[in-house]
Amino acid sequence: MRASGNALQRVSTSKPPFTIGKIKKAIPPHCFQQSLICSFSFVARDLILVSLFYYIVTTYLHLLFRN
C-alpha cells in the first residue's frame, strides 16, 4: 500500500458536538452501579467458556488433520 502524502489534511480538527459530560448524562444511572455478584458471574461464565473451548480443541482438533 502507498502512504498518502496528504493524510493530515483528511483529519478533522473541529470539536465534536458532544462532551464527556453529555455522554455520561445520557447513560442511565443504574449502569454505573457496581455489583460484585454480577462481576463474578461474568468471570465464572468466561472461565466456563474458555474451559469448554479448550476441551473441544484438545479433544477434536486432531481429527481435522488426519491423513
N, C-alpha and C. Protein backbone atom coordinates (compact mmCIF):
# COMPACT_ATOMS: atom_id res chain seq x y z
N MET A 1 0.83 -1.18 0.00
CA MET A 1 0.00 0.00 0.00
C MET A 1 0.88 1.25 0.00
N ARG A 2 0.40 2.26 -0.61
CA ARG A 2 1.13 3.51 -0.70
C ARG A 2 0.63 4.48 0.36
N ALA A 3 1.56 5.10 1.06
CA ALA A 3 1.18 6.08 2.08
C ALA A 3 0.80 7.39 1.39
N SER A 4 -0.27 7.96 1.83
CA SER A 4 -0.75 9.20 1.23
C SER A 4 -0.02 10.38 1.85
N GLY A 5 0.42 11.32 1.01
CA GLY A 5 1.14 12.48 1.49
C GLY A 5 0.23 13.50 2.16
N ASN A 6 -1.05 13.48 1.87
CA ASN A 6 -1.96 14.48 2.44
C ASN A 6 -2.85 13.87 3.53
N ALA A 7 -2.28 12.98 4.31
CA ALA A 7 -3.07 12.32 5.36
C ALA A 7 -3.52 13.31 6.43
N LEU A 8 -2.71 14.32 6.72
CA LEU A 8 -3.08 15.29 7.75
C LEU A 8 -4.22 16.19 7.29
N GLN A 9 -4.41 16.35 6.02
CA GLN A 9 -5.49 17.18 5.53
C GLN A 9 -6.85 16.51 5.72
N ARG A 10 -6.88 15.19 5.84
CA ARG A 10 -8.14 14.48 6.00
C ARG A 10 -8.60 14.42 7.44
N VAL A 11 -7.74 14.72 8.39
CA VAL A 11 -8.09 14.63 9.80
C VAL A 11 -8.97 15.82 10.18
N SER A 12 -10.07 15.50 10.84
CA SER A 12 -10.99 16.55 11.28
C SER A 12 -10.39 17.29 12.47
N THR A 13 -10.40 18.59 12.41
CA THR A 13 -9.85 19.38 13.51
C THR A 13 -10.94 20.07 14.32
N SER A 14 -12.19 19.92 13.93
CA SER A 14 -13.27 20.55 14.68
C SER A 14 -13.65 19.69 15.87
N LYS A 15 -14.16 20.34 16.90
CA LYS A 15 -14.57 19.62 18.10
C LYS A 15 -15.89 18.91 17.84
N PRO A 16 -16.10 17.74 18.46
CA PRO A 16 -17.37 17.04 18.28
C PRO A 16 -18.50 17.82 18.96
N PRO A 17 -19.74 17.60 18.54
CA PRO A 17 -20.87 18.35 19.10
C PRO A 17 -21.31 17.85 20.48
N PHE A 18 -20.54 17.00 21.09
CA PHE A 18 -20.90 16.47 22.40
C PHE A 18 -19.69 16.52 23.32
N THR A 19 -19.95 16.43 24.62
CA THR A 19 -18.87 16.40 25.61
C THR A 19 -18.98 15.10 26.40
N ILE A 20 -17.95 14.82 27.17
CA ILE A 20 -17.98 13.62 28.02
C ILE A 20 -19.12 13.73 29.03
N GLY A 21 -19.36 14.92 29.54
CA GLY A 21 -20.45 15.13 30.49
C GLY A 21 -21.81 14.80 29.89
N LYS A 22 -22.03 15.19 28.64
CA LYS A 22 -23.30 14.88 27.97
C LYS A 22 -23.45 13.38 27.76
N ILE A 23 -22.35 12.73 27.44
CA ILE A 23 -22.41 11.27 27.24
C ILE A 23 -22.77 10.58 28.56
N LYS A 24 -22.14 10.99 29.66
CA LYS A 24 -22.43 10.40 30.97
C LYS A 24 -23.87 10.64 31.39
N LYS A 25 -24.41 11.81 31.07
CA LYS A 25 -25.80 12.10 31.42
C LYS A 25 -26.78 11.26 30.60
N ALA A 26 -26.38 10.86 29.40
CA ALA A 26 -27.25 10.06 28.54
C ALA A 26 -27.31 8.60 28.98
N ILE A 27 -26.33 8.13 29.75
CA ILE A 27 -26.30 6.75 30.23
C ILE A 27 -27.12 6.67 31.51
N PRO A 28 -28.02 5.69 31.61
CA PRO A 28 -28.85 5.57 32.82
C PRO A 28 -27.99 5.34 34.07
N PRO A 29 -28.42 5.86 35.22
CA PRO A 29 -27.64 5.74 36.46
C PRO A 29 -27.39 4.29 36.89
N HIS A 30 -28.32 3.39 36.57
CA HIS A 30 -28.12 2.01 37.02
C HIS A 30 -26.93 1.35 36.34
N CYS A 31 -26.47 1.91 35.24
CA CYS A 31 -25.29 1.36 34.55
C CYS A 31 -24.00 1.65 35.30
N PHE A 32 -24.02 2.62 36.21
CA PHE A 32 -22.84 2.98 36.98
C PHE A 32 -22.79 2.30 38.34
N GLN A 33 -23.81 1.53 38.69
CA GLN A 33 -23.82 0.85 39.97
C GLN A 33 -22.96 -0.40 39.89
N GLN A 34 -22.10 -0.56 40.88
CA GLN A 34 -21.20 -1.71 40.91
C GLN A 34 -21.86 -2.88 41.63
N SER A 35 -21.62 -4.08 41.10
CA SER A 35 -22.17 -5.28 41.72
C SER A 35 -21.11 -6.38 41.68
N LEU A 36 -20.67 -6.79 42.85
CA LEU A 36 -19.64 -7.82 42.94
C LEU A 36 -20.18 -9.16 42.44
N ILE A 37 -21.42 -9.47 42.74
CA ILE A 37 -22.02 -10.74 42.31
C ILE A 37 -22.13 -10.78 40.79
N CYS A 38 -22.57 -9.70 40.19
CA CYS A 38 -22.69 -9.64 38.74
C CYS A 38 -21.32 -9.75 38.08
N SER A 39 -20.33 -9.08 38.63
CA SER A 39 -18.98 -9.13 38.07
C SER A 39 -18.41 -10.54 38.13
N PHE A 40 -18.57 -11.20 39.26
CA PHE A 40 -18.04 -12.56 39.39
C PHE A 40 -18.83 -13.55 38.53
N SER A 41 -20.10 -13.27 38.27
CA SER A 41 -20.84 -14.16 37.38
C SER A 41 -20.29 -14.07 35.96
N PHE A 42 -19.87 -12.87 35.54
CA PHE A 42 -19.24 -12.73 34.22
C PHE A 42 -17.89 -13.46 34.18
N VAL A 43 -17.12 -13.37 35.26
CA VAL A 43 -15.83 -14.07 35.33
C VAL A 43 -16.06 -15.58 35.26
N ALA A 44 -17.03 -16.08 36.02
CA ALA A 44 -17.33 -17.51 36.02
C ALA A 44 -17.78 -17.97 34.63
N ARG A 45 -18.65 -17.18 33.98
CA ARG A 45 -19.12 -17.53 32.63
C ARG A 45 -17.96 -17.59 31.66
N ASP A 46 -17.06 -16.60 31.73
CA ASP A 46 -15.92 -16.58 30.82
C ASP A 46 -14.98 -17.76 31.06
N LEU A 47 -14.75 -18.11 32.31
CA LEU A 47 -13.88 -19.26 32.61
C LEU A 47 -14.52 -20.57 32.13
N ILE A 48 -15.82 -20.69 32.28
CA ILE A 48 -16.50 -21.89 31.79
C ILE A 48 -16.39 -21.98 30.27
N LEU A 49 -16.59 -20.88 29.57
CA LEU A 49 -16.48 -20.89 28.10
C LEU A 49 -15.06 -21.20 27.64
N VAL A 50 -14.06 -20.61 28.31
CA VAL A 50 -12.67 -20.90 27.94
C VAL A 50 -12.37 -22.37 28.18
N SER A 51 -12.82 -22.92 29.28
CA SER A 51 -12.59 -24.34 29.57
C SER A 51 -13.28 -25.23 28.53
N LEU A 52 -14.49 -24.87 28.16
CA LEU A 52 -15.23 -25.65 27.16
C LEU A 52 -14.52 -25.61 25.81
N PHE A 53 -14.10 -24.43 25.37
CA PHE A 53 -13.40 -24.33 24.10
C PHE A 53 -12.06 -25.07 24.13
N TYR A 54 -11.35 -25.00 25.25
CA TYR A 54 -10.09 -25.73 25.38
C TYR A 54 -10.33 -27.23 25.27
N TYR A 55 -11.36 -27.72 25.93
CA TYR A 55 -11.68 -29.15 25.85
C TYR A 55 -12.02 -29.56 24.42
N ILE A 56 -12.82 -28.75 23.73
CA ILE A 56 -13.21 -29.08 22.37
C ILE A 56 -11.99 -29.10 21.45
N VAL A 57 -11.13 -28.12 21.59
CA VAL A 57 -9.95 -28.05 20.72
C VAL A 57 -9.00 -29.21 20.99
N THR A 58 -8.71 -29.49 22.26
CA THR A 58 -7.76 -30.57 22.56
C THR A 58 -8.34 -31.94 22.27
N THR A 59 -9.65 -32.08 22.28
CA THR A 59 -10.26 -33.38 22.03
C THR A 59 -10.46 -33.65 20.54
N TYR A 60 -10.87 -32.64 19.78
CA TYR A 60 -11.29 -32.88 18.41
C TYR A 60 -10.40 -32.28 17.34
N LEU A 61 -9.40 -31.50 17.69
CA LEU A 61 -8.56 -30.86 16.69
C LEU A 61 -7.76 -31.87 15.89
N HIS A 62 -7.31 -32.93 16.53
CA HIS A 62 -6.51 -33.93 15.81
C HIS A 62 -7.33 -34.63 14.73
N LEU A 63 -8.65 -34.64 14.85
CA LEU A 63 -9.49 -35.28 13.83
C LEU A 63 -9.48 -34.50 12.51
N LEU A 64 -9.21 -33.22 12.59
CA LEU A 64 -9.19 -32.41 11.38
C LEU A 64 -7.95 -32.67 10.52
N PHE A 65 -6.86 -33.11 11.15
CA PHE A 65 -5.60 -33.26 10.44
C PHE A 65 -5.23 -34.72 10.21
N ARG A 66 -6.21 -35.58 10.17
CA ARG A 66 -5.94 -36.98 9.86
C ARG A 66 -5.55 -37.16 8.41
N ASN A 67 -4.73 -38.13 8.14
CA ASN A 67 -4.35 -38.44 6.76
C ASN A 67 -5.27 -39.45 6.17
